[in-house]
Amino acid sequence: MKFLTTQKAGDQENYLELLKMAGSLSNLFADSKIPYLNYRVAENIFCRAFSADNLSRSDCSADARKENTGIGLKQNQALKEKYEKFLNE
């Protein structure tokens, strides 16, 4: 999380807008209120928004690299399940 807060405000806004756009497309393919975002799409958006190197297809634990920092991106399944439960109540 520290990485995100150290980035330029414009890059952060761009990142969020790109995520929103990609998430809104999932409504075309599913009836769920929860947007689906493929992990590769999320990785590519991250790298584009922050001008990071995309390592997701490399044989290493980091998904992206910016300068000398390796960054691992993951979707939080527990958070998604809590959100789904909240929507169904």
PDB file of N, CA and C in Angstrom:
ATOM      1  N   MET A   1       0.812  -1.188   0.000  1.00  0.00           N
ATOM      2  CA  MET A   1       0.000   0.000   0.000  1.00  0.00           C
ATOM      3  C   MET A   1       0.860   1.258   0.000  1.00  0.00           C
ATOM      4  N   LYS A   2       2.035   1.181   0.575  1.00  0.00           N
ATOM      5  CA  LYS A   2       2.883   2.359   0.635  1.00  0.00           C
ATOM      6  C   LYS A   2       3.252   2.837  -0.766  1.00  0.00           C
ATOM      7  N   PHE A   3       3.453   1.920  -1.675  1.00  0.00           N
ATOM      8  CA  PHE A   3       3.805   2.306  -3.039  1.00  0.00           C
ATOM      9  C   PHE A   3       2.755   3.252  -3.613  1.00  0.00           C
ATOM     10  N   LEU A   4       1.506   2.880  -3.493  1.00  0.00           N
ATOM     11  CA  LEU A   4       0.419   3.666  -4.077  1.00  0.00           C
ATOM     12  C   LEU A   4       0.398   5.093  -3.541  1.00  0.00           C
ATOM     13  N   THR A   5       0.573   5.242  -2.256  1.00  0.00           N
ATOM     14  CA  THR A   5       0.493   6.571  -1.647  1.00  0.00           C
ATOM     15  C   THR A   5       1.684   7.464  -1.995  1.00  0.00           C
ATOM     16  N   THR A   6       2.754   6.887  -2.518  1.00  0.00           N
ATOM     17  CA  THR A   6       3.920   7.680  -2.894  1.00  0.00           C
ATOM     18  C   THR A   6       3.909   8.092  -4.364  1.00  0.00           C
ATOM     19  N   GLN A   7       2.889   7.666  -5.093  1.00  0.00           N
ATOM     20  CA  GLN A   7       2.810   7.995  -6.509  1.00  0.00           C
ATOM     21  C   GLN A   7       2.095   9.325  -6.742  1.00  0.00           C
ATOM     22  N   LYS A   8       2.330   9.915  -7.889  1.00  0.00           N
ATOM     23  CA  LYS A   8       1.708  11.196  -8.241  1.00  0.00           C
ATOM     24  C   LYS A   8       0.190  11.071  -8.203  1.00  0.00           C
ATOM     25  N   ALA A   9      -0.470  12.136  -7.763  1.00  0.00           N
ATOM     26  CA  ALA A   9      -1.932  12.132  -7.661  1.00  0.00           C
ATOM     27  C   ALA A   9      -2.573  11.832  -9.019  1.00  0.00           C
ATOM     28  N   GLY A  10      -2.034  12.382 -10.085  1.00  0.00           N
ATOM     29  CA  GLY A  10      -2.580  12.132 -11.422  1.00  0.00           C
ATOM     30  C   GLY A  10      -2.487  10.670 -11.824  1.00  0.00           C
ATOM     31  N   ASP A  11      -1.375  10.022 -11.458  1.00  0.00           N
ATOM     32  CA  ASP A  11      -1.214   8.593 -11.754  1.00  0.00           C
ATOM     33  C   ASP A  11      -2.198   7.759 -10.937  1.00  0.00           C
ATOM     34  N   GLN A  12      -2.400   8.143  -9.676  1.00  0.00           N
ATOM     35  CA  GLN A  12      -3.360   7.427  -8.832  1.00  0.00           C
ATOM     36  C   GLN A  12      -4.775   7.549  -9.399  1.00  0.00           C
ATOM     37  N   GLU A  13      -5.147   8.758  -9.824  1.00  0.00           N
ATOM     38  CA  GLU A  13      -6.478   8.972 -10.400  1.00  0.00           C
ATOM     39  C   GLU A  13      -6.639   8.178 -11.695  1.00  0.00           C
ATOM     40  N   ASN A  14      -5.609   8.176 -12.520  1.00  0.00           N
ATOM     41  CA  ASN A  14      -5.636   7.409 -13.762  1.00  0.00           C
ATOM     42  C   ASN A  14      -5.823   5.924 -13.475  1.00  0.00           C
ATOM     43  N   TYR A  15      -5.119   5.414 -12.476  1.00  0.00           N
ATOM     44  CA  TYR A  15      -5.226   4.010 -12.080  1.00  0.00           C
ATOM     45  C   TYR A  15      -6.661   3.664 -11.685  1.00  0.00           C
ATOM     46  N   LEU A  16      -7.253   4.493 -10.841  1.00  0.00           N
ATOM     47  CA  LEU A  16      -8.621   4.236 -10.401  1.00  0.00           C
ATOM     48  C   LEU A  16      -9.610   4.314 -11.559  1.00  0.00           C
ATOM     49  N   GLU A  17      -9.438   5.266 -12.448  1.00  0.00           N
ATOM     50  CA  GLU A  17     -10.336   5.399 -13.601  1.00  0.00           C
ATOM     51  C   GLU A  17     -10.234   4.193 -14.527  1.00  0.00           C
ATOM     52  N   LEU A  18      -9.009   3.725 -14.771  1.00  0.00           N
ATOM     53  CA  LEU A  18      -8.824   2.549 -15.606  1.00  0.00           C
ATOM     54  C   LEU A  18      -9.453   1.312 -14.968  1.00  0.00           C
ATOM     55  N   LEU A  19      -9.305   1.166 -13.649  1.00  0.00           N
ATOM     56  CA  LEU A  19      -9.935   0.041 -12.955  1.00  0.00           C
ATOM     57  C   LEU A  19     -11.457   0.112 -13.057  1.00  0.00           C
ATOM     58  N   LYS A  20     -12.004   1.319 -12.885  1.00  0.00           N
ATOM     59  CA  LYS A  20     -13.458   1.496 -12.987  1.00  0.00           C
ATOM     60  C   LYS A  20     -13.963   1.136 -14.382  1.00  0.00           C
ATOM     61  N   MET A  21     -13.241   1.588 -15.396  1.00  0.00           N
ATOM     62  CA  MET A  21     -13.656   1.291 -16.771  1.00  0.00           C
ATOM     63  C   MET A  21     -13.636  -0.213 -17.045  1.00  0.00           C
ATOM     64  N   ALA A  22     -12.556  -0.856 -16.651  1.00  0.00           N
ATOM     65  CA  ALA A  22     -12.451  -2.301 -16.881  1.00  0.00           C
ATOM     66  C   ALA A  22     -13.517  -3.048 -16.091  1.00  0.00           C
ATOM     67  N   GLY A  23     -13.764  -2.636 -14.848  1.00  0.00           N
ATOM     68  CA  GLY A  23     -14.790  -3.277 -14.030  1.00  0.00           C
ATOM     69  C   GLY A  23     -16.181  -3.083 -14.588  1.00  0.00           C
ATOM     70  N   SER A  24     -16.442  -1.927 -15.176  1.00  0.00           N
ATOM     71  CA  SER A  24     -17.776  -1.669 -15.723  1.00  0.00           C
ATOM     72  C   SER A  24     -18.067  -2.542 -16.937  1.00  0.00           C
ATOM     73  N   LEU A  25     -17.034  -2.965 -17.640  1.00  0.00           N
ATOM     74  CA  LEU A  25     -17.239  -3.851 -18.786  1.00  0.00           C
ATOM     75  C   LEU A  25     -17.742  -5.226 -18.367  1.00  0.00           C
ATOM     76  N   SER A  26     -17.459  -5.622 -17.137  1.00  0.00           N
ATOM     77  CA  SER A  26     -17.892  -6.953 -16.690  1.00  0.00           C
ATOM     78  C   SER A  26     -19.411  -7.065 -16.643  1.00  0.00           C
ATOM     79  N   ASN A  27     -20.114  -5.937 -16.566  1.00  0.00           N
ATOM     80  CA  ASN A  27     -21.578  -5.969 -16.594  1.00  0.00           C
ATOM     81  C   ASN A  27     -22.110  -6.496 -17.924  1.00  0.00           C
ATOM     82  N   LEU A  28     -21.298  -6.462 -18.952  1.00  0.00           N
ATOM     83  CA  LEU A  28     -21.712  -6.988 -20.253  1.00  0.00           C
ATOM     84  C   LEU A  28     -21.741  -8.505 -20.267  1.00  0.00           C
ATOM     85  N   PHE A  29     -21.005  -9.139 -19.346  1.00  0.00           N
ATOM     86  CA  PHE A  29     -20.832 -10.580 -19.376  1.00  0.00           C
ATOM     87  C   PHE A  29     -21.451 -11.310 -18.195  1.00  0.00           C
ATOM     88  N   ALA A  30     -21.904 -10.578 -17.190  1.00  0.00           N
ATOM     89  CA  ALA A  30     -22.442 -11.225 -15.985  1.00  0.00           C
ATOM     90  C   ALA A  30     -23.529 -10.354 -15.368  1.00  0.00           C
ATOM     91  N   ASP A  31     -24.385 -10.993 -14.579  1.00  0.00           N
ATOM     92  CA  ASP A  31     -25.459 -10.269 -13.909  1.00  0.00           C
ATOM     93  C   ASP A  31     -25.091  -9.823 -12.501  1.00  0.00           C
ATOM     94  N   SER A  32     -23.922 -10.176 -12.055  1.00  0.00           N
ATOM     95  CA  SER A  32     -23.497  -9.852 -10.702  1.00  0.00           C
ATOM     96  C   SER A  32     -23.332  -8.347 -10.522  1.00  0.00           C
ATOM     97  N   LYS A  33     -23.652  -7.866  -9.322  1.00  0.00           N
ATOM     98  CA  LYS A  33     -23.433  -6.456  -8.994  1.00  0.00           C
ATOM     99  C   LYS A  33     -21.963  -6.180  -8.704  1.00  0.00           C
ATOM    100  N   ILE A  34     -21.216  -7.240  -8.466  1.00  0.00           N
ATOM    101  CA  ILE A  34     -19.791  -7.113  -8.149  1.00  0.00           C
ATOM    102  C   ILE A  34     -18.999  -7.197  -9.445  1.00  0.00           C
ATOM    103  N   PRO A  35     -18.240  -6.166  -9.771  1.00  0.00           N
ATOM    104  CA  PRO A  35     -17.462  -6.203 -11.009  1.00  0.00           C
ATOM    105  C   PRO A  35     -16.409  -7.294 -10.972  1.00  0.00           C
ATOM    106  N   TYR A  36     -16.221  -7.951 -12.106  1.00  0.00           N
ATOM    107  CA  TYR A  36     -15.173  -8.953 -12.239  1.00  0.00           C
ATOM    108  C   TYR A  36     -13.992  -8.308 -12.943  1.00  0.00           C
ATOM    109  N   LEU A  37     -12.817  -8.485 -12.400  1.00  0.00           N
ATOM    110  CA  LEU A  37     -11.616  -7.943 -13.014  1.00  0.00           C
ATOM    111  C   LEU A  37     -10.572  -9.050 -13.087  1.00  0.00           C
ATOM    112  N   ASN A  38     -10.285  -9.493 -14.286  1.00  0.00           N
ATOM    113  CA  ASN A  38      -9.286 -10.526 -14.499  1.00  0.00           C
ATOM    114  C   ASN A  38      -7.938 -10.042 -13.965  1.00  0.00           C
ATOM    115  N   TYR A  39      -7.207 -10.945 -13.355  1.00  0.00           N
ATOM    116  CA  TYR A  39      -5.942 -10.541 -12.721  1.00  0.00           C
ATOM    117  C   TYR A  39      -4.940  -9.995 -13.727  1.00  0.00           C
ATOM    118  N   ARG A  40      -4.924 -10.503 -14.941  1.00  0.00           N
ATOM    119  CA  ARG A  40      -3.984  -9.986 -15.933  1.00  0.00           C
ATOM    120  C   ARG A  40      -4.359  -8.569 -16.358  1.00  0.00           C
ATOM    121  N   VAL A  41      -5.644  -8.302 -16.416  1.00  0.00           N
ATOM    122  CA  VAL A  41      -6.096  -6.947 -16.732  1.00  0.00           C
ATOM    123  C   VAL A  41      -5.650  -5.993 -15.620  1.00  0.00           C
ATOM    124  N   ALA A  42      -5.835  -6.412 -14.370  1.00  0.00           N
ATOM    125  CA  ALA A  42      -5.427  -5.584 -13.230  1.00  0.00           C
ATOM    126  C   ALA A  42      -3.925  -5.314 -13.257  1.00  0.00           C
ATOM    127  N   GLU A  43      -3.139  -6.328 -13.586  1.00  0.00           N
ATOM    128  CA  GLU A  43      -1.684  -6.146 -13.652  1.00  0.00           C
ATOM    129  C   GLU A  43      -1.296  -5.173 -14.767  1.00  0.00           C
ATOM    130  N   ASN A  44      -1.933  -5.326 -15.917  1.00  0.00           N
ATOM    131  CA  ASN A  44      -1.622  -4.438 -17.040  1.00  0.00           C
ATOM    132  C   ASN A  44      -2.037  -2.994 -16.752  1.00  0.00           C
ATOM    133  N   ILE A  45      -3.174  -2.815 -16.122  1.00  0.00           N
ATOM    134  CA  ILE A  45      -3.627  -1.468 -15.746  1.00  0.00           C
ATOM    135  C   ILE A  45      -2.633  -0.833 -14.780  1.00  0.00           C
ATOM    136  N   PHE A  46      -2.211  -1.590 -13.779  1.00  0.00           N
ATOM    137  CA  PHE A  46      -1.247  -1.086 -12.799  1.00  0.00           C
ATOM    138  C   PHE A  46       0.022  -0.612 -13.495  1.00  0.00           C
ATOM    139  N   CYS A  47       0.554  -1.457 -14.355  1.00  0.00           N
ATOM    140  CA  CYS A  47       1.814  -1.127 -15.028  1.00  0.00           C
ATOM    141  C   CYS A  47       1.654   0.082 -15.945  1.00  0.00           C
ATOM    142  N   ARG A  48       0.525   0.177 -16.621  1.00  0.00           N
ATOM    143  CA  ARG A  48       0.298   1.321 -17.504  1.00  0.00           C
ATOM    144  C   ARG A  48       0.163   2.615 -16.697  1.00  0.00           C
ATOM    145  N   ALA A  49      -0.628   2.577 -15.643  1.00  0.00           N
ATOM    146  CA  ALA A  49      -0.892   3.790 -14.858  1.00  0.00           C
ATOM    147  C   ALA A  49       0.359   4.320 -14.172  1.00  0.00           C
ATOM    148  N   PHE A  50       1.226   3.422 -13.724  1.00  0.00           N
ATOM    149  CA  PHE A  50       2.395   3.845 -12.953  1.00  0.00           C
ATOM    150  C   PHE A  50       3.716   3.690 -13.702  1.00  0.00           C
ATOM    151  N   SER A  51       3.640   3.449 -15.005  1.00  0.00           N
ATOM    152  CA  SER A  51       4.847   3.281 -15.829  1.00  0.00           C
ATOM    153  C   SER A  51       5.800   2.264 -15.210  1.00  0.00           C
ATOM    154  N   ALA A  52       5.237   1.151 -14.794  1.00  0.00           N
ATOM    155  CA  ALA A  52       6.026   0.084 -14.179  1.00  0.00           C
ATOM    156  C   ALA A  52       6.293  -1.014 -15.208  1.00  0.00           C
ATOM    157  N   ASP A  53       7.349  -1.773 -14.980  1.00  0.00           N
ATOM    158  CA  ASP A  53       7.653  -2.923 -15.830  1.00  0.00           C
ATOM    159  C   ASP A  53       6.733  -4.069 -15.447  1.00  0.00           C
ATOM    160  N   ASN A  54       6.125  -4.695 -16.432  1.00  0.00           N
ATOM    161  CA  ASN A  54       5.219  -5.815 -16.179  1.00  0.00           C
ATOM    162  C   ASN A  54       6.028  -7.102 -16.117  1.00  0.00           C
ATOM    163  N   LEU A  55       6.076  -7.713 -14.942  1.00  0.00           N
ATOM    164  CA  LEU A  55       6.825  -8.954 -14.734  1.00  0.00           C
ATOM    165  C   LEU A  55       5.898 -10.157 -14.580  1.00  0.00           C
ATOM    166  N   SER A  56       4.620  -9.967 -14.811  1.00  0.00           N
ATOM    167  CA  SER A  56       3.638 -11.015 -14.495  1.00  0.00           C
ATOM    168  C   SER A  56       3.878 -12.314 -15.250  1.00  0.00           C
ATOM    169  N   ARG A  57       4.499 -12.240 -16.388  1.00  0.00           N
ATOM    170  CA  ARG A  57       4.781 -13.464 -17.156  1.00  0.00           C
ATOM    171  C   ARG A  57       6.192 -13.992 -16.897  1.00  0.00           C
ATOM    172  N   SER A  58       6.910 -13.337 -16.001  1.00  0.00           N
ATOM    173  CA  SER A  58       8.270 -13.754 -15.656  1.00  0.00           C
ATOM    174  C   SER A  58       8.224 -14.827 -14.584  1.00  0.00           C
ATOM    175  N   ASP A  59       9.336 -15.486 -14.428  1.00  0.00           N
ATOM    176  CA  ASP A  59       9.441 -16.510 -13.389  1.00  0.00           C
ATOM    177  C   ASP A  59       9.981 -15.875 -12.111  1.00  0.00           C
ATOM    178  N   CYS A  60       9.160 -14.990 -11.509  1.00  0.00           N
ATOM    179  CA  CYS A  60       9.541 -14.359 -10.252  1.00  0.00           C
ATOM    180  C   CYS A  60       8.278 -14.045  -9.457  1.00  0.00           C
ATOM    181  N   SER A  61       8.427 -13.710  -8.209  1.00  0.00           N
ATOM    182  CA  SER A  61       7.264 -13.502  -7.349  1.00  0.00           C
ATOM    183  C   SER A  61       6.622 -12.129  -7.523  1.00  0.00           C
ATOM    184  N   ALA A  62       7.317 -11.197  -8.131  1.00  0.00           N
ATOM    185  CA  ALA A  62       6.761  -9.853  -8.331  1.00  0.00           C
ATOM    186  C   ALA A  62       5.964  -9.809  -9.632  1.00  0.00           C
ATOM    187  N   ASP A  63       4.890  -9.045  -9.626  1.00  0.00           N
ATOM    188  CA  ASP A  63       4.083  -8.856 -10.832  1.00  0.00           C
ATOM    189  C   ASP A  63       4.522  -7.620 -11.612  1.00  0.00           C
ATOM    190  N   ALA A  64       5.117  -6.670 -10.902  1.00  0.00           N
ATOM    191  CA  ALA A  64       5.546  -5.420 -11.525  1.00  0.00           C
ATOM    192  C   ALA A  64       6.809  -4.923 -10.836  1.00  0.00           C
ATOM    193  N   ARG A  65       7.518  -4.049 -11.556  1.00  0.00           N
ATOM    194  CA  ARG A  65       8.719  -3.430 -10.978  1.00  0.00           C
ATOM    195  C   ARG A  65       8.735  -1.965 -11.382  1.00  0.00           C
ATOM    196  N   LYS A  66       8.957  -1.133 -10.401  1.00  0.00           N
ATOM    197  CA  LYS A  66       9.140   0.302 -10.657  1.00  0.00           C
ATOM    198  C   LYS A  66      10.431   0.692  -9.979  1.00  0.00           C
ATOM    199  N   GLU A  67      11.372   1.145 -10.787  1.00  0.00           N
ATOM    200  CA  GLU A  67      12.716   1.436 -10.310  1.00  0.00           C
ATOM    201  C   GLU A  67      13.283   0.180  -9.662  1.00  0.00           C
ATOM    202  N   ASN A  68      13.623   0.202  -8.391  1.00  0.00           N
ATOM    203  CA  ASN A  68      14.194  -0.981  -7.731  1.00  0.00           C
ATOM    204  C   ASN A  68      13.209  -1.669  -6.806  1.00  0.00           C
ATOM    205  N   THR A  69      11.910  -1.418  -7.001  1.00  0.00           N
ATOM    206  CA  THR A  69      10.896  -1.992  -6.123  1.00  0.00           C
ATOM    207  C   THR A  69      10.081  -3.038  -6.862  1.00  0.00           C
ATOM    208  N   GLY A  70      10.039  -4.245  -6.315  1.00  0.00           N
ATOM    209  CA  GLY A  70       9.180  -5.297  -6.850  1.00  0.00           C
ATOM    210  C   GLY A  70       7.820  -5.216  -6.168  1.00  0.00           C
ATOM    211  N   ILE A  71       6.756  -5.377  -6.961  1.00  0.00           N
ATOM    212  CA  ILE A  71       5.401  -5.215  -6.445  1.00  0.00           C
ATOM    213  C   ILE A  71       4.583  -6.445  -6.795  1.00  0.00           C
ATOM    214  N   GLY A  72       3.940  -7.007  -5.792  1.00  0.00           N
ATOM    215  CA  GLY A  72       3.040  -8.133  -6.008  1.00  0.00           C
ATOM    216  C   GLY A  72       1.602  -7.656  -5.917  1.00  0.00           C
ATOM    217  N   LEU A  73       0.812  -7.973  -6.925  1.00  0.00           N
ATOM    218  CA  LEU A  73      -0.595  -7.584  -6.943  1.00  0.00           C
ATOM    219  C   LEU A  73      -1.437  -8.832  -6.747  1.00  0.00           C
ATOM    220  N   LYS A  74      -2.491  -8.706  -5.971  1.00  0.00           N
ATOM    221  CA  LYS A  74      -3.393  -9.837  -5.811  1.00  0.00           C
ATOM    222  C   LYS A  74      -4.781  -9.327  -5.505  1.00  0.00           C
ATOM    223  N   GLN A  75      -5.747 -10.150  -5.834  1.00  0.00           N
ATOM    224  CA  GLN A  75      -7.116  -9.809  -5.503  1.00  0.00           C
ATOM    225  C   GLN A  75      -7.408 -10.389  -4.129  1.00  0.00           C
ATOM    226  N   ASN A  76      -8.117  -9.642  -3.336  1.00  0.00           N
ATOM    227  CA  ASN A  76      -8.418 -10.064  -1.978  1.00  0.00           C
ATOM    228  C   ASN A  76      -9.738 -10.832  -1.974  1.00  0.00           C
ATOM    229  N   GLN A  77      -9.661 -12.156  -1.981  1.00  0.00           N
ATOM    230  CA  GLN A  77     -10.852 -13.000  -2.032  1.00  0.00           C
ATOM    231  C   GLN A  77     -11.717 -12.822  -0.791  1.00  0.00           C
ATOM    232  N   ALA A  78     -11.110 -12.672   0.368  1.00  0.00           N
ATOM    233  CA  ALA A  78     -11.885 -12.503   1.604  1.00  0.00           C
ATOM    234  C   ALA A  78     -12.722 -11.223   1.548  1.00  0.00           C
ATOM    235  N   LEU A  79     -12.138 -10.152   1.043  1.00  0.00           N
ATOM    236  CA  LEU A  79     -12.862  -8.894   0.921  1.00  0.00           C
ATOM    237  C   LEU A  79     -14.012  -9.026  -0.079  1.00  0.00           C
ATOM    238  N   LYS A  80     -13.767  -9.720  -1.167  1.00  0.00           N
ATOM    239  CA  LYS A  80     -14.812  -9.941  -2.167  1.00  0.00           C
ATOM    240  C   LYS A  80     -15.978 -10.718  -1.559  1.00  0.00           C
ATOM    241  N   GLU A  81     -15.679 -11.745  -0.764  1.00  0.00           N
ATOM    242  CA  GLU A  81     -16.730 -12.544  -0.133  1.00  0.00           C
ATOM    243  C   GLU A  81     -17.538 -11.719   0.861  1.00  0.00           C
ATOM    244  N   LYS A  82     -16.880 -10.849   1.617  1.00  0.00           N
ATOM    245  CA  LYS A  82     -17.601  -9.978   2.552  1.00  0.00           C
ATOM    246  C   LYS A  82     -18.528  -9.036   1.799  1.00  0.00           C
ATOM    247  N   TYR A  83     -18.066  -8.513   0.678  1.00  0.00           N
ATOM    248  CA  TYR A  83     -18.878  -7.604  -0.127  1.00  0.00           C
ATOM    249  C   TYR A  83     -20.095  -8.323  -0.695  1.00  0.00           C
ATOM    250  N   GLU A  84     -19.883  -9.541  -1.189  1.00  0.00           N
ATOM    251  CA  GLU A  84     -20.996 -10.328  -1.727  1.00  0.00           C
ATOM    252  C   GLU A  84     -22.030 -10.622  -0.634  1.00  0.00           C
ATOM    253  N   LYS A  85     -21.553 -10.960   0.557  1.00  0.00           N
ATOM    254  CA  LYS A  85     -22.450 -11.235   1.672  1.00  0.00           C
ATOM    255  C   LYS A  85     -23.265  -9.979   2.028  1.00  0.00           C
ATOM    256  N   PHE A  86     -22.606  -8.832   2.036  1.00  0.00           N
ATOM    257  CA  PHE A  86     -23.272  -7.569   2.339  1.00  0.00           C
ATOM    258  C   PHE A  86     -24.380  -7.297   1.311  1.00  0.00           C
ATOM    259  N   LEU A  87     -24.099  -7.541   0.037  1.00  0.00           N
ATOM    260  CA  LEU A  87     -25.089  -7.305  -1.008  1.00  0.00           C
ATOM    261  C   LEU A  87     -26.300  -8.229  -0.893  1.00  0.00           C
ATOM    262  N   ASN A  88     -26.084  -9.412  -0.383  1.00  0.00           N
ATOM    263  CA  ASN A  88     -27.161 -10.389  -0.284  1.00  0.00           C
ATOM    264  C   ASN A  88     -27.998 -10.281   0.981  1.00  0.00           C
ATOM    265  N   GLU A  89     -27.616  -9.427   1.905  1.00  0.00           N
ATOM    266  CA  GLU A  89     -28.366  -9.283   3.145  1.00  0.00           C
ATOM    267  C   GLU A  89     -29.592  -8.433   2.954  1.00  0.00           C
TER     268      GLU A  89
END
